Amino acid sequence: MQTINQSGRSMIEMLGVLAIIGVLTAGGLTIVGKARHQQELTQLLSETAEIVSSIKKMACDYDDGYASYVNMLCQSNGQPNGTTCTISGKDSYITTSSDAKVKAIPDPATLTTEGVNYFDVEISEISKDACVYLASSDWGRRNTNGFLGAYSDASGKPSSASPNDEPIDPVLALSYCAEEDGVIKKPLHLLFLACQKN
């Protein structure tokens, strides 16, 4: 009688190998997903900072014929690459690569007060994570780059006399960034000094 030697793997061993491969793949996809999300947040921060910087460069030449700083920026093609402009009066906005809408409106209360202009950057259609990330980011200080503070309609606007130019604590930012259907209910605002004429 002849004996047959089988050196193949059993079905249980093959299932074990497939299970290990599945766990490793799931873990890898989670890491890739987190990295992609962090990259999107960083990109949104970068695009918003570029919009603010461009407005600050142009603000001293602001023409009252523009309904908002976004109009001025878009008509001069000064918006960041990868973003799109929608111009319609005061509702003009820049759509970022992550589909956030960024408006930049002169603050009417301070527009002509003693030659100082302020502008309000309103960011909407963002997730709670993006809202907290932007609100708790270090945007600078009033004395360095004119940042007066981040706020939401729920938190109250900082004044030029008492700026809240420190980054918002992430736990406090969570309360500002209430979410409904995956999008924050109230826009996040960043208030900046645009121009100070001597």
Protein backbone atom coordinates (compact mmCIF):
# COMPACT_ATOMS: atom_id res chain seq x y z
CA MET A 1 0.00 0.00 0.00
CA GLN A 2 1.26 3.38 -0.98
CA THR A 3 1.08 6.34 1.48
CA ILE A 4 0.49 9.83 0.19
CA ASN A 5 2.39 12.59 1.93
CA GLN A 6 0.47 15.85 1.96
CA SER A 7 2.46 18.91 2.79
CA GLY A 8 -0.33 21.45 2.13
CA ARG A 9 -1.92 23.74 4.71
CA SER A 10 -5.15 22.83 6.44
CA MET A 11 -8.26 24.91 5.99
CA ILE A 12 -8.01 26.20 9.58
CA GLU A 13 -4.45 27.44 9.02
CA MET A 14 -5.53 29.24 5.84
CA LEU A 15 -8.45 30.88 7.64
CA GLY A 16 -6.07 31.98 10.40
CA VAL A 17 -3.74 33.62 7.86
CA LEU A 18 -6.67 35.36 6.17
CA ALA A 19 -7.92 36.64 9.55
CA ILE A 20 -4.48 38.10 10.35
CA ILE A 21 -4.32 39.77 6.93
CA GLY A 22 -7.82 41.20 7.50
CA VAL A 23 -6.86 42.67 10.90
CA LEU A 24 -3.69 44.22 9.48
CA THR A 25 -5.60 45.70 6.54
CA ALA A 26 -8.29 47.19 8.81
CA GLY A 27 -5.62 48.72 11.05
CA GLY A 28 -3.79 50.13 8.04
CA LEU A 29 -6.98 51.67 6.64
CA THR A 30 -7.71 53.31 10.01
CA ILE A 31 -4.25 54.87 10.12
CA VAL A 32 -4.55 56.07 6.51
CA GLY A 33 -8.01 57.53 7.26
CA LYS A 34 -6.73 59.45 10.30
CA ALA A 35 -3.74 60.77 8.35
CA ARG A 36 -6.00 61.90 5.49
CA HIS A 37 -8.36 63.66 7.94
CA GLN A 38 -5.44 65.45 9.62
CA GLN A 39 -4.13 66.51 6.21
CA GLU A 40 -7.56 67.96 5.31
CA LEU A 41 -7.63 69.96 8.57
CA THR A 42 -4.12 71.27 7.94
CA GLN A 43 -5.07 72.20 4.36
CA LEU A 44 -8.15 74.11 5.59
CA LEU A 45 -6.02 75.98 8.14
CA SER A 46 -3.44 76.80 5.45
CA GLU A 47 -6.03 78.05 2.94
CA THR A 48 -7.81 80.17 5.58
CA ALA A 49 -4.50 81.66 6.73
CA GLU A 50 -3.62 82.48 3.11
CA ILE A 51 -6.99 84.21 2.61
CA VAL A 52 -6.43 86.27 5.78
CA SER A 53 -2.88 87.17 4.76
CA SER A 54 -3.97 88.25 1.27
CA ILE A 55 -6.77 90.41 2.65
CA LYS A 56 -4.41 92.09 5.10
CA LYS A 57 -2.06 92.96 2.23
CA MET A 58 -4.88 94.54 0.21
CA ALA A 59 -6.97 96.08 3.00
CA CYS A 60 -5.35 99.51 3.13
CA ASP A 61 -6.38 100.03 -0.50
CA TYR A 62 -9.94 98.89 0.22
CA ASP A 63 -12.48 100.46 -2.10
CA ASP A 64 -16.00 101.03 -0.73
CA GLY A 65 -17.35 99.76 -4.05
CA TYR A 66 -16.62 96.19 -2.92
CA ALA A 67 -19.35 94.54 -0.84
CA SER A 68 -16.82 92.36 0.98
CA TYR A 69 -13.12 91.62 1.13
CA VAL A 70 -13.83 88.35 -0.70
CA ASN A 71 -15.03 90.38 -3.71
CA MET A 72 -11.81 92.37 -3.65
CA LEU A 73 -9.67 89.24 -3.31
CA CYS A 74 -11.47 87.24 -6.00
CA GLN A 75 -11.64 90.05 -8.53
CA SER A 76 -7.86 90.40 -8.24
CA ASN A 77 -7.38 86.58 -8.47
CA GLY A 78 -5.74 86.59 -5.03
CA GLN A 79 -7.53 83.55 -3.63
CA PRO A 80 -5.47 80.41 -2.80
CA ASN A 81 -4.94 77.77 -5.48
CA GLY A 82 -7.50 74.98 -5.31
CA THR A 83 -10.26 77.27 -4.01
CA THR A 84 -13.19 78.78 -5.92
CA CYS A 85 -14.91 82.15 -5.62
CA THR A 86 -18.63 82.81 -5.57
CA ILE A 87 -19.34 86.52 -5.91
CA SER A 88 -22.84 87.78 -5.10
CA GLY A 89 -22.69 90.99 -3.09
CA LYS A 90 -22.31 90.56 0.66
CA ASP A 91 -22.91 86.81 0.34
CA SER A 92 -19.67 86.34 -1.60
CA TYR A 93 -17.47 83.52 -0.32
CA ILE A 94 -14.48 81.36 -1.14
CA THR A 95 -15.02 77.61 -1.16
CA THR A 96 -11.92 75.80 0.10
CA SER A 97 -10.66 72.43 -1.13
CA SER A 98 -12.56 70.81 1.78
CA ASP A 99 -15.84 72.56 0.77
CA ALA A 100 -15.79 75.02 3.70
CA LYS A 101 -17.22 78.43 2.89
CA VAL A 102 -15.07 81.41 3.94
CA LYS A 103 -16.47 84.95 3.99
CA ALA A 104 -14.47 88.04 4.95
CA ILE A 105 -16.55 91.06 5.75
CA PRO A 106 -15.38 94.47 6.98
CA ASP A 107 -16.60 95.03 10.52
CA PRO A 108 -19.03 97.95 10.07
CA ALA A 109 -18.67 99.10 13.68
CA THR A 110 -14.97 99.81 13.21
CA LEU A 111 -14.61 100.32 9.47
CA THR A 112 -13.76 104.00 9.66
CA THR A 113 -13.08 104.53 13.36
CA GLU A 114 -9.83 106.47 13.68
CA GLY A 115 -8.45 105.01 10.45
CA VAL A 116 -8.56 101.44 11.78
CA ASN A 117 -10.28 98.71 9.77
CA TYR A 118 -11.21 95.30 11.15
CA PHE A 119 -12.60 92.35 9.26
CA ASP A 120 -14.53 89.29 10.29
CA VAL A 121 -13.71 85.93 8.69
CA GLU A 122 -16.79 83.69 8.83
CA ILE A 123 -16.17 79.97 8.23
CA SER A 124 -19.18 77.71 7.69
CA GLU A 125 -20.04 74.26 6.33
CA ILE A 126 -17.28 72.60 8.34
CA SER A 127 -17.29 69.60 10.64
CA LYS A 128 -17.03 69.83 14.41
CA ASP A 129 -13.42 68.59 14.22
CA ALA A 130 -12.51 71.33 11.73
CA CYS A 131 -14.27 73.98 13.83
CA VAL A 132 -12.41 72.96 17.00
CA TYR A 133 -9.12 72.74 15.09
CA LEU A 134 -9.47 76.25 13.65
CA ALA A 135 -10.80 77.80 16.87
CA SER A 136 -7.97 76.38 18.97
CA SER A 137 -5.20 77.13 16.45
CA ASP A 138 -2.71 79.88 17.26
CA TRP A 139 -3.59 82.71 14.85
CA GLY A 140 -1.16 85.15 16.43
CA ARG A 141 -1.73 88.17 18.63
CA ARG A 142 -3.14 91.65 18.18
CA ASN A 143 0.33 93.18 18.49
CA THR A 144 1.95 90.83 15.97
CA ASN A 145 -0.57 90.21 13.20
CA GLY A 146 -3.77 91.90 14.34
CA PHE A 147 -5.67 88.82 15.52
CA LEU A 148 -8.40 89.82 17.99
CA GLY A 149 -9.98 86.46 18.66
CA ALA A 150 -12.08 83.52 17.54
CA TYR A 151 -15.74 83.31 18.45
CA SER A 152 -19.07 81.87 17.44
CA ASP A 153 -22.49 83.47 17.55
CA ALA A 154 -22.99 81.55 20.80
CA SER A 155 -19.84 82.86 22.50
CA GLY A 156 -19.96 86.59 21.81
CA LYS A 157 -17.64 88.76 19.76
CA PRO A 158 -14.36 90.05 21.24
CA SER A 159 -13.91 93.80 21.14
CA SER A 160 -10.93 95.72 19.87
CA ALA A 161 -10.59 97.20 23.37
CA SER A 162 -10.38 93.79 25.03
CA PRO A 163 -9.16 91.27 22.44
CA ASN A 164 -9.28 87.57 23.19
CA ASP A 165 -6.24 86.80 21.05
CA GLU A 166 -5.17 83.61 22.84
CA PRO A 167 -6.08 80.30 21.17
CA ILE A 168 -9.39 78.98 22.45
CA ASP A 169 -9.09 75.96 24.72
CA PRO A 170 -10.20 72.88 22.72
CA VAL A 171 -12.74 71.92 25.42
CA LEU A 172 -14.33 75.39 25.24
CA ALA A 173 -14.17 75.26 21.44
CA LEU A 174 -16.26 72.06 21.57
CA SER A 175 -19.11 74.04 23.13
CA TYR A 176 -18.85 76.69 20.38
CA CYS A 177 -18.89 74.09 17.64
CA ALA A 178 -22.27 72.44 18.13
CA GLU A 179 -23.00 70.09 15.24
CA GLU A 180 -26.15 69.14 13.38
CA ASP A 181 -26.17 66.57 10.56
CA GLY A 182 -22.36 66.56 10.42
CA VAL A 183 -22.03 70.36 9.98
CA ILE A 184 -21.64 73.01 12.68
CA LYS A 185 -24.86 74.93 13.39
CA LYS A 186 -23.32 78.38 13.80
CA PRO A 187 -20.33 79.63 11.79
CA LEU A 188 -16.93 80.11 13.38
CA HIS A 189 -15.63 83.69 13.25
CA LEU A 190 -12.07 85.03 13.33
CA LEU A 191 -11.67 88.76 13.91
CA PHE A 192 -8.58 90.53 12.52
CA LEU A 193 -7.18 94.03 12.30
CA ALA A 194 -7.08 94.70 8.56
CA CYS A 195 -5.38 98.04 8.32
CA GLN A 196 -4.22 100.86 10.51
CA LYS A 197 -3.41 104.10 8.76
CA ASN A 198 -1.09 106.47 10.61
